[in-house]
C-alpha cells in the first residue's frame, strides 16, 4: 500500500531520491529484461516514479519521469548504452511512458495533498472537540463551587451581628462570584456557538417582553433604574427568544462592568426598515481604542454570535457626548414587517 510522506522532501533531496530510484529501477530492469517484456520493465520505472511523487515536490517528480524514460532508453531498449533506437516504434513508447509518468506524478501529488488536507482537518476537528469537551467540563465543574460561594456570601450578609467591614467583604465576594459565574456561562455558551451546537428555536416574541425580562434578570447591577424606550406598535420579532434575551443580558452586564453600577443605562428598541434595532446606551467612559468594538469582551462576542446566527448585524461605538452604545439589528420576517 502506498504511503504518503507528511512533509515532502525539498527539491534537492527529491532530485537525489529520483536519481537513486531510477538507478534501482534500471538495475532491476537489466536483471529481468532477458525474461520480461519491455512493457513490464517499463512498469518498474513507472512504479519508481510513483514512489518519488509520493515523497517529493512536483519538480522532483517531473525529473523522475524524465530520468525514467532516458534510463529505459539507454539501458533496456537496443542498442544498449545509447539514446539511439533501431525501431522507431520505441519513440511512441517513450512518449507514452513520459506522459503516463507525468500524469502519475501529478495525480499522486494531488492525492498526497488531499490526504494531508483531510488529516489536518481531522486533527483540527478532534482538537476542537477536545477543547469544547474540556471547556464544558471545566464550566460545569466550576458552577457548583461558585454557587456555594454565592450562597455562603449571601448568608453572611444577612447575619445581623456582623461588622460593617465584614459585610463589605462579603458583598464583594458575592459580586465577584456572581461575575465569575456569568463568565463561566458565557464561556460555555461561546463554545457551543463555535462548535455549531446551538440550534435556533424561533417563535413570535414581543420585543417589549424580551427587554423587560432581560432587565429583571440583571436587577441589582445598577443603582439607578434602567430607562426603557420602545417604539409604539413595534412588530413582533420572529427569533429565538432565549438567545435574544441572553444577548440583551450580556449587553447590560457589559455596561455595568465597564461603565460601572452608578452609570445611567438606557435601553431603546425601534424599527429601522425591515430590522428591529435593540440599543443599550450608558454614560460611562466609552470604549477605548483597543477595546471597541471587537475586543470588548466575551459577553459582546456572544451577542455578535447570537445576532449573526439570526442573519443580523451588531455595532458598537462611543456616543457623541459621553458613554458607549451597543446596537443589535435583527431582521423582521415579511409577515412581521407588514404587521
Protein backbone atom coordinates (compact mmCIF):
# COMPACT_ATOMS: atom_id res chain seq x y z
CA UNK A 1 0.00 0.00 0.00
CA UNK A 2 1.36 3.40 -1.00
CA UNK A 3 2.02 5.65 1.99
CA UNK A 4 2.42 9.39 1.70
CA UNK A 5 5.00 11.49 3.45
CA UNK A 6 3.55 14.19 5.72
CA UNK A 7 6.30 16.61 4.73
CA UNK A 8 7.60 16.26 1.14
CA UNK A 9 11.34 16.35 0.62
CA UNK A 10 12.98 19.51 -0.64
CA UNK A 11 13.79 19.89 -4.34
CA UNK A 12 17.42 18.87 -3.94
CA UNK A 13 16.64 15.91 -1.69
CA UNK A 14 13.84 14.94 -4.06
CA UNK A 15 16.22 15.09 -7.06
CA UNK A 16 18.60 12.80 -5.21
CA UNK A 17 15.79 10.38 -4.45
CA UNK A 18 14.73 10.45 -8.11
CA UNK A 19 18.27 9.52 -9.21
CA UNK A 20 18.56 6.70 -6.64
CA UNK A 21 15.13 5.26 -7.52
CA UNK A 22 15.92 5.45 -11.25
CA UNK A 23 19.21 3.58 -10.71
CA UNK A 24 17.42 0.91 -8.68
CA UNK A 25 14.74 0.56 -11.37
CA UNK A 26 17.44 0.28 -14.01
CA UNK A 27 19.25 -2.45 -12.05
CA UNK A 28 16.05 -4.46 -11.76
CA UNK A 29 15.31 -3.87 -15.43
CA UNK A 30 18.72 -5.04 -16.58
CA UNK A 31 18.41 -8.20 -14.48
CA UNK A 32 14.92 -9.03 -15.78
CA UNK A 33 14.95 -7.78 -19.39
CA UNK A 34 16.01 -11.17 -20.68
CA UNK A 35 12.88 -12.81 -19.29
CA UNK A 36 10.38 -9.93 -19.19
CA UNK A 37 8.79 -7.94 -21.96
CA UNK A 38 9.90 -4.35 -22.30
CA UNK A 39 6.42 -3.23 -21.30
CA UNK A 40 6.77 -5.00 -17.96
CA UNK A 41 10.17 -3.41 -17.39
CA UNK A 42 8.63 0.00 -18.14
CA UNK A 43 6.15 -0.66 -15.32
CA UNK A 44 9.08 -0.91 -12.92
CA UNK A 45 10.17 2.61 -13.86
CA UNK A 46 6.62 3.94 -13.53
CA UNK A 47 6.36 2.37 -10.09
CA UNK A 48 9.55 4.18 -9.14
CA UNK A 49 8.10 7.44 -10.45
CA UNK A 50 5.01 6.90 -8.29
CA UNK A 51 7.20 6.33 -5.23
CA UNK A 52 9.18 9.51 -5.85
CA UNK A 53 6.00 11.54 -6.42
CA UNK A 54 4.56 10.36 -3.10
CA UNK A 55 7.51 11.80 -1.19
CA UNK A 56 8.82 14.79 -3.12
CA UNK A 57 7.86 18.02 -4.80
CA UNK A 58 6.28 18.30 -8.28
CA UNK A 59 9.65 19.36 -9.73
CA UNK A 60 11.41 16.26 -8.42
CA UNK A 61 8.54 14.06 -9.60
CA UNK A 62 8.81 15.53 -13.09
CA UNK A 63 12.55 14.92 -13.07
CA UNK A 64 11.92 11.30 -12.04
CA UNK A 65 9.58 10.84 -15.04
CA UNK A 66 12.19 12.21 -17.47
CA UNK A 67 15.01 10.18 -15.91
CA UNK A 68 12.89 7.04 -16.15
CA UNK A 69 12.40 7.47 -19.90
CA UNK A 70 16.10 8.22 -20.51
CA UNK A 71 17.25 5.29 -18.38
CA UNK A 72 14.79 2.94 -20.07
CA UNK A 73 16.08 4.01 -23.49
CA UNK A 74 19.77 3.76 -22.62
CA UNK A 75 19.71 0.59 -20.52
CA UNK A 76 16.84 -1.51 -21.85
CA UNK A 77 16.00 -0.56 -25.43
CA UNK A 78 18.53 -1.80 -28.01
CA UNK A 79 21.16 -0.69 -28.74
CA UNK A 80 22.08 -0.53 -25.04
CA UNK A 81 24.19 2.38 -23.82
CA UNK A 82 22.86 4.78 -26.44
CA UNK A 83 19.92 7.10 -26.95
CA UNK A 84 19.59 5.74 -30.48
CA UNK A 85 16.87 3.20 -31.26
CA UNK A 86 16.68 0.66 -34.08
CA UNK A 87 12.90 0.60 -34.08
CA UNK A 88 11.19 3.99 -34.37
CA UNK A 89 8.12 2.49 -32.70
CA UNK A 90 10.01 2.86 -29.42
CA UNK A 91 9.67 6.63 -29.84
CA UNK A 92 5.94 6.19 -29.33
CA UNK A 93 6.68 4.03 -26.29
CA UNK A 94 8.92 6.76 -24.86
CA UNK A 95 6.27 9.42 -25.44
CA UNK A 96 3.52 7.37 -23.85
CA UNK A 97 5.81 6.41 -20.98
CA UNK A 98 6.69 10.08 -20.35
CA UNK A 99 3.06 11.20 -20.48
CA UNK A 100 1.95 8.40 -18.19
CA UNK A 101 4.82 9.14 -15.81
CA UNK A 102 3.93 12.84 -15.64
CA UNK A 103 0.26 12.02 -15.20
CA UNK A 104 1.01 9.56 -12.41
CA UNK A 105 3.23 12.15 -10.74
CA UNK A 106 0.54 14.80 -10.92
CA UNK A 107 -2.22 12.53 -9.66
CA UNK A 108 -0.05 11.13 -6.87
CA UNK A 109 0.90 14.61 -5.68
CA UNK A 110 -2.75 15.69 -5.74
CA UNK A 111 -3.74 12.60 -3.80
CA UNK A 112 -1.00 13.24 -1.25
CA UNK A 113 -2.17 16.83 -0.79
CA UNK A 114 -5.77 15.67 -0.36
CA UNK A 115 -4.71 13.08 2.22
CA UNK A 116 -2.68 15.72 4.08
CA UNK A 117 -5.61 18.15 3.99
CA UNK A 118 -8.01 15.52 5.32
CA UNK A 119 -5.59 14.55 8.07
CA UNK A 120 -5.18 18.19 9.06
CA UNK A 121 -8.95 18.66 9.05
CA UNK A 122 -9.42 15.55 11.17
CA UNK A 123 -6.81 16.76 13.66
CA UNK A 124 -8.46 20.18 13.80
CA UNK A 125 -11.90 18.66 14.37
CA UNK A 126 -10.55 16.38 17.07
CA UNK A 127 -8.68 19.24 18.76
CA UNK A 128 -11.79 21.41 18.66
CA UNK A 129 -13.86 18.58 20.10
CA UNK A 130 -11.36 18.04 22.92
CA UNK A 131 -11.27 21.79 23.58
CA UNK A 132 -15.05 22.00 23.66
CA UNK A 133 -15.40 18.96 25.92
CA UNK A 134 -12.71 20.28 28.27
CA UNK A 135 -14.27 23.74 28.38
CA UNK A 136 -17.71 22.27 29.00
CA UNK A 137 -16.37 20.03 31.75
CA UNK A 138 -14.49 22.85 33.46
CA UNK A 139 -17.50 25.15 33.18
CA UNK A 140 -19.82 22.60 34.78
CA UNK A 141 -17.27 21.78 37.49
CA UNK A 142 -16.92 25.47 38.39
CA UNK A 143 -20.65 26.09 38.74
CA UNK A 144 -21.07 24.08 41.95
CA UNK A 145 -18.31 25.77 44.00
CA UNK A 146 -19.33 29.19 42.66
CA UNK A 147 -22.91 28.56 43.71
CA UNK A 148 -21.66 27.54 47.16
CA UNK A 149 -19.57 30.70 47.44
CA UNK A 150 -22.53 32.86 46.41
CA UNK A 151 -24.79 31.14 48.92
CA UNK A 152 -22.26 31.47 51.75
CA UNK A 153 -21.60 35.13 50.98
CA UNK A 154 -25.32 35.89 50.73
CA UNK A 155 -25.98 34.14 54.03
CA UNK A 156 -23.15 36.00 55.70
CA UNK A 157 -24.52 39.35 54.54
CA UNK A 158 -27.89 38.59 56.11
CA UNK A 159 -26.36 37.92 59.54
CA UNK A 160 -27.42 40.72 61.90
CA UNK A 161 -24.34 40.68 64.12
CA UNK A 162 -21.54 41.13 61.55
CA UNK A 163 -19.42 44.25 61.36
CA UNK A 164 -19.63 46.70 58.52
CA UNK A 165 -16.17 45.69 57.29
CA UNK A 166 -17.10 42.00 57.14
CA UNK A 167 -20.34 42.87 55.37
CA UNK A 168 -18.47 44.87 52.73
CA UNK A 169 -16.07 41.97 52.20
CA UNK A 170 -18.97 39.53 51.92
CA UNK A 171 -20.71 41.78 49.38
CA UNK A 172 -17.50 41.91 47.36
CA UNK A 173 -17.22 38.12 47.46
CA UNK A 174 -20.84 37.81 46.34
CA UNK A 175 -20.44 40.27 43.47
CA UNK A 176 -17.20 38.69 42.21
CA UNK A 177 -18.54 35.14 42.44
CA UNK A 178 -21.64 36.21 40.50
CA UNK A 179 -19.45 37.90 37.91
CA UNK A 180 -17.30 34.78 37.58
CA UNK A 181 -20.44 32.69 37.26
CA UNK A 182 -21.58 34.86 34.36
CA UNK A 183 -18.18 34.47 32.71
CA UNK A 184 -18.36 30.71 33.08
CA UNK A 185 -21.80 30.66 31.47
CA UNK A 186 -20.53 32.90 28.69
CA UNK A 187 -17.60 30.59 28.04
CA UNK A 188 -19.90 27.61 27.80
CA UNK A 189 -22.30 29.48 25.51
CA UNK A 190 -19.47 30.65 23.26
CA UNK A 191 -18.06 27.13 22.95
CA UNK A 192 -21.49 25.92 21.83
CA UNK A 193 -21.68 28.60 19.16
CA UNK A 194 -18.19 27.75 17.89
CA UNK A 195 -18.99 24.02 17.83
CA UNK A 196 -22.24 24.63 15.98
CA UNK A 197 -24.21 23.00 18.83
CA UNK A 198 -26.68 25.88 19.24
CA UNK A 199 -29.92 25.35 17.35
CA UNK A 200 -32.34 28.21 16.91
CA UNK A 201 -35.89 27.75 18.19
CA UNK A 202 -37.68 30.68 16.61
CA UNK A 203 -41.08 31.92 17.60
CA UNK A 204 -43.02 35.19 17.71
CA UNK A 205 -41.90 37.42 20.58
CA UNK A 206 -42.78 40.85 21.85
CA UNK A 207 -39.67 43.00 21.92
CA UNK A 208 -41.02 44.74 25.00
CA UNK A 209 -41.30 41.43 26.86
CA UNK A 210 -37.75 40.42 25.92
CA UNK A 211 -36.35 43.77 27.10
CA UNK A 212 -38.30 43.72 30.39
CA UNK A 213 -37.22 40.14 31.09
CA UNK A 214 -33.56 40.97 30.47
CA UNK A 215 -33.76 43.97 32.79
CA UNK A 216 -35.41 41.86 35.52
CA UNK A 217 -32.68 39.23 35.27
CA UNK A 218 -29.98 41.88 35.67
CA UNK A 219 -31.71 43.53 38.60
CA UNK A 220 -29.13 44.81 41.06
CA UNK A 221 -26.41 45.58 38.52
CA UNK A 222 -27.23 49.30 38.51
CA UNK A 223 -28.02 51.71 41.29
CA UNK A 224 -30.42 53.69 39.11
CA UNK A 225 -33.35 52.11 37.23
CA UNK A 226 -32.69 51.29 33.61
CA UNK A 227 -34.54 53.66 31.30
CA UNK A 228 -36.57 51.87 28.62
CA UNK A 229 -37.84 53.42 25.40
CA UNK A 230 -39.66 51.14 22.96
CA UNK A 231 -41.22 52.40 19.76
CA UNK A 232 -45.04 52.11 19.83
CA UNK A 233 -46.60 49.36 17.71
CA UNK A 234 -43.25 47.70 17.18
CA UNK A 235 -43.78 44.48 15.16
CA UNK A 236 -43.39 41.09 16.76
CA UNK A 237 -39.96 39.58 16.36
CA UNK A 238 -39.63 36.06 14.91
CA UNK A 239 -36.50 34.84 16.67
CA UNK A 240 -35.08 32.58 19.35
CA UNK A 241 -36.33 34.49 22.37
CA UNK A 242 -33.97 32.85 24.86
CA UNK A 243 -30.88 33.76 22.81
CA UNK A 244 -32.05 37.31 22.11
CA UNK A 245 -32.75 37.80 25.81
CA UNK A 246 -29.29 36.35 26.54
CA UNK A 247 -27.75 38.90 24.19
CA UNK A 248 -29.60 41.76 25.92
CA UNK A 249 -28.46 40.49 29.32
CA UNK A 250 -24.85 40.41 28.13
CA UNK A 251 -25.19 43.96 26.79
CA UNK A 252 -26.45 45.15 30.18
CA UNK A 253 -23.73 43.23 32.03
CA UNK A 254 -21.15 44.74 29.71
CA UNK A 255 -22.45 48.23 30.53
CA UNK A 256 -22.34 47.50 34.26
CA UNK A 257 -18.81 46.11 34.05
CA UNK A 258 -17.29 48.92 32.00
CA UNK A 259 -19.44 51.94 32.84
CA UNK A 260 -19.98 50.98 36.47
CA UNK A 261 -23.05 50.32 38.64
CA UNK A 262 -23.60 54.06 39.11
CA UNK A 263 -23.99 54.69 35.37
CA UNK A 264 -27.27 55.66 33.77
CA UNK A 265 -28.33 53.00 31.26
CA UNK A 266 -30.86 53.44 28.50
CA UNK A 267 -32.40 50.58 26.51
CA UNK A 268 -34.03 51.57 23.26
CA UNK A 269 -35.88 49.50 20.65
CA UNK A 270 -37.22 50.69 17.33
CA UNK A 271 -37.87 49.56 13.78
CA UNK A 272 -35.38 50.51 11.07
CA UNK A 273 -36.58 49.32 7.68
CA UNK A 274 -37.06 45.57 7.82
CA UNK A 275 -35.00 45.25 11.02
CA UNK A 276 -35.53 45.73 14.74
CA UNK A 277 -32.76 47.71 16.45
CA UNK A 278 -32.02 46.96 20.10
CA UNK A 279 -29.71 49.53 21.68
CA UNK A 280 -28.08 49.69 25.10
CA UNK A 281 -26.52 53.06 25.95
CA UNK A 282 -24.59 54.15 29.03
CA UNK A 283 -22.93 57.35 30.24
CA UNK A 284 -19.61 55.79 31.14
CA UNK A 285 -16.18 56.48 29.67
CA UNK A 286 -16.98 54.61 26.46
CA UNK A 287 -14.91 52.14 24.51
CA UNK A 288 -11.18 52.64 24.42
CA UNK A 289 -9.40 52.35 21.08
CA UNK A 290 -8.09 48.90 21.93
CA UNK A 291 -11.47 47.62 23.08
CA UNK A 292 -14.01 48.91 20.58
CA UNK A 293 -15.82 47.16 19.18
CA UNK A 294 -14.35 43.65 18.64
CA UNK A 295 -12.12 43.45 21.69
CA UNK A 296 -14.80 44.38 24.19
CA UNK A 297 -15.14 41.08 25.96
CA UNK A 298 -16.71 37.65 25.79
CA UNK A 299 -20.20 38.98 26.52
CA UNK A 300 -20.34 41.06 23.36
CA UNK A 301 -18.75 38.21 21.40
CA UNK A 302 -21.77 36.10 22.35
CA UNK A 303 -24.07 38.96 21.34
CA UNK A 304 -22.41 39.01 17.94
CA UNK A 305 -22.77 35.22 17.60
CA UNK A 306 -26.47 35.40 18.52
CA UNK A 307 -27.17 38.19 16.05
CA UNK A 308 -25.22 36.61 13.20
CA UNK A 309 -26.99 33.28 13.77
CA UNK A 310 -30.24 35.19 13.11
CA UNK A 311 -28.83 36.84 10.00
CA UNK A 312 -28.47 40.22 11.70
CA UNK A 313 -25.62 42.60 12.46
CA UNK A 314 -24.08 44.21 15.50
CA UNK A 315 -22.43 47.57 16.04
CA UNK A 316 -20.61 49.09 18.99
CA UNK A 317 -19.09 52.52 19.47
CA UNK A 318 -18.96 55.69 21.52
CA UNK A 319 -21.70 58.27 21.74
CA UNK A 320 -21.01 61.80 20.57
CA UNK A 321 -21.23 63.18 24.08
CA UNK A 322 -20.33 60.64 26.74
CA UNK A 323 -20.69 56.91 27.04
CA UNK A 324 -20.97 53.90 24.76
CA UNK A 325 -23.69 52.27 22.68
CA UNK A 326 -24.13 48.69 21.52
CA UNK A 327 -26.71 48.04 18.79
CA UNK A 328 -28.20 44.74 17.64
CA UNK A 329 -30.05 44.66 14.32
CA UNK A 330 -32.32 41.66 13.90
CA UNK A 331 -34.23 41.11 10.63
CA UNK A 332 -38.01 41.04 10.57
CA UNK A 333 -39.87 38.50 8.51
CA UNK A 334 -42.18 39.81 5.79
CA UNK A 335 -45.22 38.89 7.89
CA UNK A 336 -43.88 40.79 10.89
CA UNK A 337 -42.92 43.75 8.75
CA UNK A 338 -46.47 44.03 7.40
CA UNK A 339 -47.93 43.65 10.88
